PDB file of N, CA and C in Angstrom:
ATOM      1  N   THR A   1      -6.834  -7.149   0.818  1.00  0.00           N
ATOM      2  CA  THR A   1      -7.780  -8.084   1.382  1.00  0.00           C
ATOM      3  C   THR A   1      -7.150  -8.841   2.541  1.00  0.00           C
ATOM      4  N   ALA A   2      -5.891  -9.258   2.387  1.00  0.00           N
ATOM      5  CA  ALA A   2      -5.230 -10.028   3.432  1.00  0.00           C
ATOM      6  C   ALA A   2      -5.126  -9.230   4.728  1.00  0.00           C
ATOM      7  N   VAL A   3      -4.824  -7.958   4.638  1.00  0.00           N
ATOM      8  CA  VAL A   3      -4.709  -7.107   5.825  1.00  0.00           C
ATOM      9  C   VAL A   3      -6.065  -6.971   6.508  1.00  0.00           C
ATOM     10  N   ALA A   4      -7.109  -6.747   5.741  1.00  0.00           N
ATOM     11  CA  ALA A   4      -8.455  -6.617   6.296  1.00  0.00           C
ATOM     12  C   ALA A   4      -8.913  -7.930   6.928  1.00  0.00           C
ATOM     13  N   GLU A   5      -8.675  -9.043   6.257  1.00  0.00           N
ATOM     14  CA  GLU A   5      -9.066 -10.336   6.812  1.00  0.00           C
ATOM     15  C   GLU A   5      -8.335 -10.632   8.112  1.00  0.00           C
ATOM     16  N   TYR A   6      -7.036 -10.345   8.156  1.00  0.00           N
ATOM     17  CA  TYR A   6      -6.261 -10.572   9.371  1.00  0.00           C
ATOM     18  C   TYR A   6      -6.851  -9.762  10.522  1.00  0.00           C
ATOM     19  N   ARG A   7      -7.172  -8.507  10.262  1.00  0.00           N
ATOM     20  CA  ARG A   7      -7.755  -7.633  11.286  1.00  0.00           C
ATOM     21  C   ARG A   7      -9.109  -8.172  11.765  1.00  0.00           C
ATOM     22  N   ASN A   8      -9.946  -8.568  10.822  1.00  0.00           N
ATOM     23  CA  ASN A   8     -11.280  -9.057  11.175  1.00  0.00           C
ATOM     24  C   ASN A   8     -11.222 -10.365  11.958  1.00  0.00           C
ATOM     25  N   ILE A   9     -10.248 -11.211  11.673  1.00  0.00           N
ATOM     26  CA  ILE A   9     -10.129 -12.500  12.351  1.00  0.00           C
ATOM     27  C   ILE A   9      -9.468 -12.365  13.723  1.00  0.00           C
ATOM     28  N   THR A  10      -8.371 -11.580  13.791  1.00  0.00           N
ATOM     29  CA  THR A  10      -7.583 -11.518  15.037  1.00  0.00           C
ATOM     30  C   THR A  10      -7.878 -10.304  15.906  1.00  0.00           C
ATOM     31  N   GLY A  11      -8.421  -9.252  15.312  1.00  0.00           N
ATOM     32  CA  GLY A  11      -8.624  -8.010  16.057  1.00  0.00           C
ATOM     33  C   GLY A  11      -7.373  -7.151  16.131  1.00  0.00           C
ATOM     34  N   ASN A  12      -6.298  -7.590  15.459  1.00  0.00           N
ATOM     35  CA  ASN A  12      -5.026  -6.860  15.442  1.00  0.00           C
ATOM     36  C   ASN A  12      -4.619  -6.590  13.996  1.00  0.00           C
ATOM     37  N   TRP A  13      -3.678  -5.671  13.844  1.00  0.00           N
ATOM     38  CA  TRP A  13      -3.085  -5.441  12.527  1.00  0.00           C
ATOM     39  C   TRP A  13      -1.903  -6.381  12.373  1.00  0.00           C
ATOM     40  N   SER A  14      -1.675  -6.884  11.178  1.00  0.00           N
ATOM     41  CA  SER A  14      -0.540  -7.773  10.942  1.00  0.00           C
ATOM     42  C   SER A  14       0.752  -6.971  11.005  1.00  0.00           C
ATOM     43  N   ALA A  15       1.752  -7.530  11.670  1.00  0.00           N
ATOM     44  CA  ALA A  15       3.023  -6.829  11.852  1.00  0.00           C
ATOM     45  C   ALA A  15       3.795  -6.676  10.552  1.00  0.00           C
ATOM     46  N   ASP A  16       3.605  -7.637   9.643  1.00  0.00           N
ATOM     47  CA  ASP A  16       4.368  -7.611   8.399  1.00  0.00           C
ATOM     48  C   ASP A  16       3.678  -8.475   7.341  1.00  0.00           C
ATOM     49  N   ASN A  17       4.305  -8.572   6.185  1.00  0.00           N
ATOM     50  CA  ASN A  17       3.733  -9.339   5.078  1.00  0.00           C
ATOM     51  C   ASN A  17       3.457 -10.782   5.485  1.00  0.00           C
ATOM     52  N   GLY A  18       4.434 -11.416   6.135  1.00  0.00           N
ATOM     53  CA  GLY A  18       4.292 -12.817   6.509  1.00  0.00           C
ATOM     54  C   GLY A  18       3.121 -13.063   7.433  1.00  0.00           C
ATOM     55  N   GLU A  19       2.961 -12.220   8.417  1.00  0.00           N
ATOM     56  CA  GLU A  19       1.860 -12.382   9.355  1.00  0.00           C
ATOM     57  C   GLU A  19       0.508 -12.205   8.662  1.00  0.00           C
ATOM     58  N   ALA A  20       0.474 -11.366   7.639  1.00  0.00           N
ATOM     59  CA  ALA A  20      -0.761 -11.155   6.875  1.00  0.00           C
ATOM     60  C   ALA A  20      -1.015 -12.284   5.879  1.00  0.00           C
ATOM     61  N   GLY A  21      -0.040 -13.203   5.753  1.00  0.00           N
ATOM     62  CA  GLY A  21      -0.194 -14.308   4.805  1.00  0.00           C
ATOM     63  C   GLY A  21       0.240 -13.951   3.400  1.00  0.00           C
ATOM     64  N   LEU A  22       1.058 -12.909   3.279  1.00  0.00           N
ATOM     65  CA  LEU A  22       1.533 -12.450   1.971  1.00  0.00           C
ATOM     66  C   LEU A  22       2.990 -12.842   1.753  1.00  0.00           C
ATOM     67  N   SER A  23       3.420 -12.821   0.519  1.00  0.00           N
ATOM     68  CA  SER A  23       4.821 -13.046   0.173  1.00  0.00           C
ATOM     69  C   SER A  23       5.658 -11.879   0.679  1.00  0.00           C
ATOM     70  N   ASP A  24       6.974 -12.068   0.696  1.00  0.00           N
ATOM     71  CA  ASP A  24       7.880 -10.988   1.083  1.00  0.00           C
ATOM     72  C   ASP A  24       7.685  -9.780   0.180  1.00  0.00           C
ATOM     73  N   ALA A  25       7.918  -8.603   0.738  1.00  0.00           N
ATOM     74  CA  ALA A  25       7.675  -7.339   0.022  1.00  0.00           C
ATOM     75  C   ALA A  25       8.327  -7.300  -1.359  1.00  0.00           C
ATOM     76  N   GLY A  26       9.579  -7.705  -1.455  1.00  0.00           N
ATOM     77  CA  GLY A  26      10.313  -7.627  -2.706  1.00  0.00           C
ATOM     78  C   GLY A  26       9.883  -8.638  -3.757  1.00  0.00           C
ATOM     79  N   THR A  27       9.057  -9.605  -3.357  1.00  0.00           N
ATOM     80  CA  THR A  27       8.601 -10.592  -4.330  1.00  0.00           C
ATOM     81  C   THR A  27       7.215 -10.257  -4.875  1.00  0.00           C
ATOM     82  N   ILE A  28       6.580  -9.226  -4.315  1.00  0.00           N
ATOM     83  CA  ILE A  28       5.302  -8.751  -4.855  1.00  0.00           C
ATOM     84  C   ILE A  28       5.639  -7.612  -5.807  1.00  0.00           C
ATOM     85  N   THR A  29       5.724  -7.935  -7.077  1.00  0.00           N
ATOM     86  CA  THR A  29       6.164  -6.974  -8.086  1.00  0.00           C
ATOM     87  C   THR A  29       5.219  -6.991  -9.279  1.00  0.00           C
ATOM     88  N   GLY A  30       5.431  -6.047 -10.165  1.00  0.00           N
ATOM     89  CA  GLY A  30       4.648  -5.968 -11.388  1.00  0.00           C
ATOM     90  C   GLY A  30       5.404  -5.178 -12.422  1.00  0.00           C
ATOM     91  N   ASN A  31       4.747  -4.826 -13.503  1.00  0.00           N
ATOM     92  CA  ASN A  31       5.407  -4.056 -14.549  1.00  0.00           C
ATOM     93  C   ASN A  31       5.965  -2.741 -14.027  1.00  0.00           C
ATOM     94  N   TYR A  32       5.263  -2.117 -13.096  1.00  0.00           N
ATOM     95  CA  TYR A  32       5.676  -0.822 -12.558  1.00  0.00           C
ATOM     96  C   TYR A  32       6.014  -0.874 -11.077  1.00  0.00           C
ATOM     97  N   VAL A  33       5.594  -1.925 -10.388  1.00  0.00           N
ATOM     98  CA  VAL A  33       5.742  -2.022  -8.939  1.00  0.00           C
ATOM     99  C   VAL A  33       7.012  -2.781  -8.567  1.00  0.00           C
ATOM    100  N   ALA A  34       7.821  -2.172  -7.679  1.00  0.00           N
ATOM    101  CA  ALA A  34       9.048  -2.804  -7.203  1.00  0.00           C
ATOM    102  C   ALA A  34       8.791  -3.661  -5.974  1.00  0.00           C
ATOM    103  N   SER A  35       7.855  -3.240  -5.108  1.00  0.00           N
ATOM    104  CA  SER A  35       7.564  -3.996  -3.890  1.00  0.00           C
ATOM    105  C   SER A  35       6.265  -3.523  -3.265  1.00  0.00           C
ATOM    106  N   VAL A  36       5.689  -4.406  -2.440  1.00  0.00           N
ATOM    107  CA  VAL A  36       4.505  -4.070  -1.650  1.00  0.00           C
ATOM    108  C   VAL A  36       4.774  -4.569  -0.240  1.00  0.00           C
ATOM    109  N   GLU A  37       4.831  -3.635   0.708  1.00  0.00           N
ATOM    110  CA  GLU A  37       5.193  -3.975   2.082  1.00  0.00           C
ATOM    111  C   GLU A  37       4.067  -3.640   3.048  1.00  0.00           C
ATOM    112  N   VAL A  38       3.781  -4.583   3.943  1.00  0.00           N
ATOM    113  CA  VAL A  38       2.779  -4.389   4.990  1.00  0.00           C
ATOM    114  C   VAL A  38       3.497  -4.208   6.313  1.00  0.00           C
ATOM    115  N   ILE A  39       3.180  -3.129   7.015  1.00  0.00           N
ATOM    116  CA  ILE A  39       3.650  -2.914   8.379  1.00  0.00           C
ATOM    117  C   ILE A  39       2.458  -2.399   9.168  1.00  0.00           C
ATOM    118  N   ASN A  40       1.943  -3.263  10.033  1.00  0.00           N
ATOM    119  CA  ASN A  40       0.749  -2.962  10.817  1.00  0.00           C
ATOM    120  C   ASN A  40      -0.406  -2.595   9.888  1.00  0.00           C
ATOM    121  N   GLU A  41      -0.980  -1.406  10.049  1.00  0.00           N
ATOM    122  CA  GLU A  41      -2.140  -1.031   9.227  1.00  0.00           C
ATOM    123  C   GLU A  41      -1.748  -0.303   7.946  1.00  0.00           C
ATOM    124  N   LYS A  42      -0.460  -0.274   7.626  1.00  0.00           N
ATOM    125  CA  LYS A  42       0.014   0.464   6.451  1.00  0.00           C
ATOM    126  C   LYS A  42       0.524  -0.484   5.364  1.00  0.00           C
ATOM    127  N   ILE A  43       0.081  -0.231   4.136  1.00  0.00           N
ATOM    128  CA  ILE A  43       0.523  -0.993   2.972  1.00  0.00           C
ATOM    129  C   ILE A  43       1.201  -0.004   2.025  1.00  0.00           C
ATOM    130  N   THR A  44       2.483  -0.223   1.758  1.00  0.00           N
ATOM    131  CA  THR A  44       3.230   0.687   0.895  1.00  0.00           C
ATOM    132  C   THR A  44       3.625  -0.014  -0.391  1.00  0.00           C
ATOM    133  N   ALA A  45       3.184   0.552  -1.512  1.00  0.00           N
ATOM    134  CA  ALA A  45       3.602   0.076  -2.832  1.00  0.00           C
ATOM    135  C   ALA A  45       4.661   1.045  -3.342  1.00  0.00           C
ATOM    136  N   LYS A  46       5.842   0.518  -3.629  1.00  0.00           N
ATOM    137  CA  LYS A  46       6.923   1.337  -4.170  1.00  0.00           C
ATOM    138  C   LYS A  46       7.070   1.015  -5.646  1.00  0.00           C
ATOM    139  N   PHE A  47       7.137   2.073  -6.439  1.00  0.00           N
ATOM    140  CA  PHE A  47       7.260   1.905  -7.882  1.00  0.00           C
ATOM    141  C   PHE A  47       8.726   1.817  -8.282  1.00  0.00           C
ATOM    142  N   LYS A  48       8.984   1.124  -9.371  1.00  0.00           N
ATOM    143  CA  LYS A  48      10.355   0.908  -9.831  1.00  0.00           C
ATOM    144  C   LYS A  48      11.051   2.241 -10.109  1.00  0.00           C
ATOM    145  N   PRO A  49      12.345   2.311  -9.790  1.00  0.00           N
ATOM    146  CA  PRO A  49      13.074   3.573  -9.950  1.00  0.00           C
ATOM    147  C   PRO A  49      13.506   3.877 -11.381  1.00  0.00           C
ATOM    148  N   ASP A  50      13.475   2.887 -12.246  1.00  0.00           N
ATOM    149  CA  ASP A  50      13.896   3.147 -13.624  1.00  0.00           C
ATOM    150  C   ASP A  50      13.191   2.197 -14.587  1.00  0.00           C
ATOM    151  N   GLY A  51      13.225   2.552 -15.860  1.00  0.00           N
ATOM    152  CA  GLY A  51      12.647   1.710 -16.890  1.00  0.00           C
ATOM    153  C   GLY A  51      11.130   1.638 -16.875  1.00  0.00           C
ATOM    154  N   VAL A  52      10.505   2.601 -16.195  1.00  0.00           N
ATOM    155  CA  VAL A  52       9.042   2.612 -16.141  1.00  0.00           C
ATOM    156  C   VAL A  52       8.535   3.996 -16.509  1.00  0.00           C
ATOM    157  N   ASN A  53       7.259   4.167 -16.435  1.00  0.00           N
ATOM    158  CA  ASN A  53       6.622   5.445 -16.718  1.00  0.00           C
ATOM    159  C   ASN A  53       7.288   6.568 -15.909  1.00  0.00           C
ATOM    160  N   GLU A  54       7.732   7.591 -16.567  1.00  0.00           N
ATOM    161  CA  GLU A  54       8.420   8.725 -15.924  1.00  0.00           C
ATOM    162  C   GLU A  54       7.584   9.379 -14.821  1.00  0.00           C
ATOM    163  N   ASN A  55       6.283   9.296 -14.929  1.00  0.00           N
ATOM    164  CA  ASN A  55       5.405   9.984 -13.980  1.00  0.00           C
ATOM    165  C   ASN A  55       5.277   9.280 -12.636  1.00  0.00           C
ATOM    166  N   ILE A  56       5.675   8.014 -12.569  1.00  0.00           N
ATOM    167  CA  ILE A  56       5.555   7.275 -11.307  1.00  0.00           C
ATOM    168  C   ILE A  56       6.867   6.674 -10.819  1.00  0.00           C
ATOM    169  N   LYS A  57       7.912   6.709 -11.629  1.00  0.00           N
ATOM    170  CA  LYS A  57       9.140   6.022 -11.242  1.00  0.00           C
ATOM    171  C   LYS A  57       9.706   6.588  -9.938  1.00  0.00           C
ATOM    172  N   GLY A  58      10.065   5.667  -9.053  1.00  0.00           N
ATOM    173  CA  GLY A  58      10.624   6.033  -7.762  1.00  0.00           C
ATOM    174  C   GLY A  58       9.617   6.576  -6.764  1.00  0.00           C
ATOM    175  N   LYS A  59       8.359   6.615  -7.118  1.00  0.00           N
ATOM    176  CA  LYS A  59       7.306   7.145  -6.232  1.00  0.00           C
ATOM    177  C   LYS A  59       6.710   6.014  -5.403  1.00  0.00           C
ATOM    178  N   SER A  60       5.841   6.387  -4.473  1.00  0.00           N
ATOM    179  CA  SER A  60       5.185   5.407  -3.602  1.00  0.00           C
ATOM    180  C   SER A  60       3.716   5.731  -3.447  1.00  0.00           C
ATOM    181  N   LEU A  61       2.976   4.710  -3.051  1.00  0.00           N
ATOM    182  CA  LEU A  61       1.564   4.860  -2.747  1.00  0.00           C
ATOM    183  C   LEU A  61       1.327   4.165  -1.411  1.00  0.00           C
ATOM    184  N   LEU A  62       0.698   4.853  -0.481  1.00  0.00           N
ATOM    185  CA  LEU A  62       0.468   4.331   0.860  1.00  0.00           C
ATOM    186  C   LEU A  62      -1.020   4.166   1.096  1.00  0.00           C
ATOM    187  N   LEU A  63      -1.422   2.958   1.492  1.00  0.00           N
ATOM    188  CA  LEU A  63      -2.790   2.687   1.919  1.00  0.00           C
ATOM    189  C   LEU A  63      -2.763   2.502   3.422  1.00  0.00           C
ATOM    190  N   THR A  64      -3.555   3.293   4.134  1.00  0.00           N
ATOM    191  CA  THR A  64      -3.639   3.180   5.581  1.00  0.00           C
ATOM    192  C   THR A  64      -5.015   2.639   5.941  1.00  0.00           C
ATOM    193  N   ALA A  65      -5.016   1.492   6.597  1.00  0.00           N
ATOM    194  CA  ALA A  65      -6.265   0.827   6.953  1.00  0.00           C
ATOM    195  C   ALA A  65      -6.815   1.393   8.260  1.00  0.00           C
ATOM    196  N   THR A  66      -8.138   1.416   8.345  1.00  0.00           N
ATOM    197  CA  THR A  66      -8.840   1.838   9.555  1.00  0.00           C
ATOM    198  C   THR A  66      -9.943   0.826   9.837  1.00  0.00           C
ATOM    199  N   ASP A  67     -10.042   0.430  11.099  1.00  0.00           N
ATOM    200  CA  ASP A  67     -11.130  -0.465  11.501  1.00  0.00           C
ATOM    201  C   ASP A  67     -12.382   0.380  11.637  1.00  0.00           C
ATOM    202  N   ALA A  68     -13.366   0.091  10.822  1.00  0.00           N
ATOM    203  CA  ALA A  68     -14.616   0.854  10.813  1.00  0.00           C
ATOM    204  C   ALA A  68     -15.728   0.090  11.528  1.00  0.00           C
ATOM    205  N   GLY A  69     -15.355  -0.638  12.573  1.00  0.00           N
ATOM    206  CA  GLY A  69     -16.354  -1.357  13.350  1.00  0.00           C
ATOM    207  C   GLY A  69     -16.960  -2.539  12.623  1.00  0.00           C
ATOM    208  N   GLY A  70     -16.143  -3.490  12.243  1.00  0.00           N
ATOM    209  CA  GLY A  70     -16.638  -4.668  11.545  1.00  0.00           C
ATOM    210  C   GLY A  70     -16.221  -4.727  10.092  1.00  0.00           C
ATOM    211  N   SER A  71     -15.763  -3.620   9.567  1.00  0.00           N
ATOM    212  CA  SER A  71     -15.204  -3.595   8.221  1.00  0.00           C
ATOM    213  C   SER A  71     -13.927  -2.761   8.262  1.00  0.00           C
ATOM    214  N   VAL A  72     -13.125  -2.894   7.244  1.00  0.00           N
ATOM    215  CA  VAL A  72     -11.871  -2.151   7.164  1.00  0.00           C
ATOM    216  C   VAL A  72     -11.936  -1.230   5.945  1.00  0.00           C
ATOM    217  N   THR A  73     -11.599   0.035   6.170  1.00  0.00           N
ATOM    218  CA  THR A  73     -11.532   0.992   5.069  1.00  0.00           C
ATOM    219  C   THR A  73     -10.071   1.394   4.864  1.00  0.00           C
ATOM    220  N   PHE A  74      -9.765   1.904   3.692  1.00  0.00           N
ATOM    221  CA  PHE A  74      -8.395   2.300   3.378  1.00  0.00           C
ATOM    222  C   PHE A  74      -8.362   3.735   2.885  1.00  0.00           C
ATOM    223  N   GLU A  75      -7.409   4.485   3.391  1.00  0.00           N
ATOM    224  CA  GLU A  75      -7.148   5.851   2.921  1.00  0.00           C
ATOM    225  C   GLU A  75      -5.866   5.808   2.108  1.00  0.00           C
ATOM    226  N   CYS A  76      -5.882   6.472   0.969  1.00  0.00           N
ATOM    227  CA  CYS A  76      -4.749   6.470   0.051  1.00  0.00           C
ATOM    228  C   CYS A  76      -4.025   7.810   0.088  1.00  0.00           C
ATOM    229  N   THR A  77      -2.696   7.761   0.196  1.00  0.00           N
ATOM    230  CA  THR A  77      -1.846   8.938   0.028  1.00  0.00           C
ATOM    231  C   THR A  77      -0.704   8.555  -0.899  1.00  0.00           C
ATOM    232  N   THR A  78      -0.210   9.525  -1.640  1.00  0.00           N
ATOM    233  CA  THR A  78       0.855   9.235  -2.598  1.00  0.00           C
ATOM    234  C   THR A  78       1.663  10.484  -2.918  1.00  0.00           C
ATOM    235  N   ASP A  79       2.879  10.268  -3.402  1.00  0.00           N
ATOM    236  CA  ASP A  79       3.698  11.381  -3.885  1.00  0.00           C
ATOM    237  C   ASP A  79       3.706  11.423  -5.416  1.00  0.00           C
ATOM    238  N   ILE A  80       2.796  10.678  -6.033  1.00  0.00           N
ATOM    239  CA  ILE A  80       2.631  10.703  -7.488  1.00  0.00           C
ATOM    240  C   ILE A  80       1.947  12.014  -7.876  1.00  0.00           C
ATOM    241  N   ASP A  81       2.336  12.563  -9.013  1.00  0.00           N
ATOM    242  CA  ASP A  81       1.688  13.765  -9.531  1.00  0.00           C
ATOM    243  C   ASP A  81       0.180  13.540  -9.556  1.00  0.00           C
ATOM    244  N   PRO A  82      -0.617  14.521  -9.108  1.00  0.00           N
ATOM    245  CA  PRO A  82      -2.070  14.355  -9.034  1.00  0.00           C
ATOM    246  C   PRO A  82      -2.734  13.881 -10.325  1.00  0.00           C
ATOM    247  N   SER A  83      -2.208  14.252 -11.465  1.00  0.00           N
ATOM    248  CA  SER A  83      -2.839  13.847 -12.723  1.00  0.00           C
ATOM    249  C   SER A  83      -2.625  12.361 -13.032  1.00  0.00           C
ATOM    250  N   TYR A  84      -1.715  11.701 -12.309  1.00  0.00           N
ATOM    251  CA  TYR A  84      -1.460  10.274 -12.518  1.00  0.00           C
ATOM    252  C   TYR A  84      -1.839   9.422 -11.317  1.00  0.00           C
ATOM    253  N   ALA A  85      -2.216  10.058 -10.221  1.00  0.00           N
ATOM    254  CA  ALA A  85      -2.567   9.336  -8.992  1.00  0.00           C
ATOM    255  C   ALA A  85      -3.963   8.736  -9.108  1.00  0.00           C
ATOM    256  N   PRO A  86      -4.224   7.663  -8.367  1.00  0.00           N
ATOM    257  CA  PRO A  86      -5.583   7.107  -8.351  1.00  0.00           C
ATOM    258  C   PRO A  86      -6.596   8.141  -7.877  1.00  0.00           C
ATOM    259  N   LYS A  87      -7.786   8.105  -8.433  1.00  0.00           N
ATOM    260  CA  LYS A  87      -8.850   9.032  -8.049  1.00  0.00           C
ATOM    261  C   LYS A  87      -9.118   8.901  -6.545  1.00  0.00           C
ATOM    262  N   GLY A  88      -9.193  10.021  -5.867  1.00  0.00           N
ATOM    263  CA  GLY A  88      -9.475  10.036  -4.439  1.00  0.00           C
ATOM    264  C   GLY A  88      -8.250   9.867  -3.568  1.00  0.00           C
ATOM    265  N   CYS A  89      -7.087   9.682  -4.153  1.00  0.00           N
ATOM    266  CA  CYS A  89      -5.857   9.505  -3.388  1.00  0.00           C
ATOM    267  C   CYS A  89      -5.287  10.880  -3.056  1.00  0.00           C
ATOM    268  N   ASP A  90      -4.972  11.109  -1.781  1.00  0.00           N
ATOM    269  CA  ASP A  90      -4.438  12.394  -1.328  1.00  0.00           C
ATOM    270  C   ASP A  90      -3.014  12.562  -1.823  1.00  0.00           C
ATOM    271  N   THR A  91      -2.778  13.577  -2.623  1.00  0.00           N
ATOM    272  CA  THR A  91      -1.452  13.844  -3.155  1.00  0.00           C
ATOM    273  C   THR A  91      -0.766  15.009  -2.452  1.00  0.00           C
ATOM    274  N   SER A  92      -1.402  15.555  -1.420  1.00  0.00           N
ATOM    275  CA  SER A  92      -0.815  16.701  -0.722  1.00  0.00           C
ATOM    276  C   SER A  92       0.081  16.263   0.439  1.00  0.00           C
ATOM    277  N   ALA A  93      -0.059  15.022   0.873  1.00  0.00           N
ATOM    278  CA  ALA A  93       0.699  14.555   2.030  1.00  0.00           C
ATOM    279  C   ALA A  93       2.004  13.901   1.584  1.00  0.00           C
ATOM    280  N   CYS A  94       3.032  14.153   2.308  1.00  0.00           N
ATOM    281  CA  CYS A  94       4.317  13.487   2.084  1.00  0.00           C
ATOM    282  C   CYS A  94       4.673  12.698   3.325  1.00  0.00           C
ATOM    283  N   TRP A  95       5.327  11.617   3.145  1.00  0.00           N
ATOM    284  CA  TRP A  95       5.777  10.838   4.297  1.00  0.00           C
ATOM    285  C   TRP A  95       7.196  10.460   4.111  1.00  0.00           C
TER     286      TRP A  95
END
């Protein structure tokens, strides 16, 4: 939401987490998430490398934002096994 709001207000993509009004990447964590980093129109969630679900550990999920003329849409790509990836997330692309 922060990335989309920044784009809608300024007409630009936020350069980083701080510009988007978010905490530093390493402080956005969860049970399985090690960090969430914003760089321009890309949001990367990195999963913890150990002590988590074997199917996602050390993997990443990338959301790429697109300005759809007044709204922002997101495309998802990931290196998570397709059976564990979010529905509709492209698992064929590697980055």
